[in-house]
């Protein structure tokens, strides 16, 4: 696989952050929420998109193949 310096830096940063949070997902997300609120308080506009809705059936039903 080709080594990408940018992706390697992103992965390194994520690994360091996870290690600093003792690999606790709840702590990681709590920090993310705090950062989001700090950015809002600083005047940044934070955009959230509504969840995508799938019309109709969401599961695929398998049918028997046609008999020939």
Protein backbone atom coordinates (compact mmCIF):
# COMPACT_ATOMS: atom_id res chain seq x y z
CA UNK A 1 0.00 0.00 0.00
CA UNK A 2 1.25 3.49 -0.82
CA UNK A 3 2.19 5.58 2.23
CA UNK A 4 0.31 8.88 2.32
CA UNK A 5 1.92 11.47 4.61
CA UNK A 6 -1.32 13.34 5.25
CA UNK A 7 -3.28 10.22 6.18
CA UNK A 8 -0.41 8.99 8.33
CA UNK A 9 -0.46 12.30 10.24
CA UNK A 10 -4.24 12.09 10.71
CA UNK A 11 -3.98 8.50 11.98
CA UNK A 12 -1.13 9.48 14.31
CA UNK A 13 -3.16 12.38 15.72
CA UNK A 14 -6.22 10.17 16.26
CA UNK A 15 -4.12 7.53 17.98
CA UNK A 16 -2.54 10.12 20.29
CA UNK A 17 -5.95 11.56 21.17
CA UNK A 18 -7.41 8.10 21.85
CA UNK A 19 -4.41 7.25 24.04
CA UNK A 20 -4.82 10.53 25.97
CA UNK A 21 -8.49 9.62 26.58
CA UNK A 22 -7.51 6.10 27.70
CA UNK A 23 -9.35 4.72 24.64
CA UNK A 24 -12.69 5.61 26.27
CA UNK A 25 -15.23 6.50 23.58
CA UNK A 26 -17.43 8.39 26.06
CA UNK A 27 -14.51 10.64 27.02
CA UNK A 28 -13.58 11.21 23.37
CA UNK A 29 -17.13 12.28 22.48
CA UNK A 30 -17.41 14.45 25.60
CA UNK A 31 -14.29 16.32 24.50
CA UNK A 32 -15.73 16.67 21.00
CA UNK A 33 -18.93 18.18 22.44
CA UNK A 34 -16.89 20.62 24.58
CA UNK A 35 -14.87 21.67 21.51
CA UNK A 36 -18.09 22.17 19.54
CA UNK A 37 -19.58 24.38 22.25
CA UNK A 38 -16.32 26.37 22.49
CA UNK A 39 -16.38 26.99 18.74
CA UNK A 40 -20.03 28.10 18.90
CA UNK A 41 -19.17 30.48 21.75
CA UNK A 42 -16.35 31.92 19.63
CA UNK A 43 -18.86 32.72 16.90
CA UNK A 44 -18.26 29.85 14.51
CA UNK A 45 -21.32 28.65 12.64
CA UNK A 46 -21.81 24.93 13.12
CA UNK A 47 -23.84 23.13 10.49
CA UNK A 48 -25.71 19.89 11.11
CA UNK A 49 -27.46 18.01 8.39
CA UNK A 50 -30.72 16.14 9.05
CA UNK A 51 -30.56 12.35 8.77
CA UNK A 52 -31.27 10.97 5.32
CA UNK A 53 -34.62 9.25 5.00
CA UNK A 54 -35.00 6.21 2.82
CA UNK A 55 -38.38 6.01 1.16
CA UNK A 56 -40.14 2.67 1.04
CA UNK A 57 -38.73 -0.61 2.18
CA UNK A 58 -35.36 -0.60 3.94
CA UNK A 59 -34.79 -4.35 3.90
CA UNK A 60 -34.28 -6.53 0.86
CA UNK A 61 -36.43 -9.62 0.64
CA UNK A 62 -35.01 -12.56 -1.21
CA UNK A 63 -37.24 -14.39 -3.59
CA UNK A 64 -36.76 -17.82 -5.02
CA UNK A 65 -35.21 -17.74 -8.48
CA UNK A 66 -37.65 -18.35 -11.33
CA UNK A 67 -38.09 -22.01 -12.23
CA UNK A 68 -37.14 -22.82 -15.79
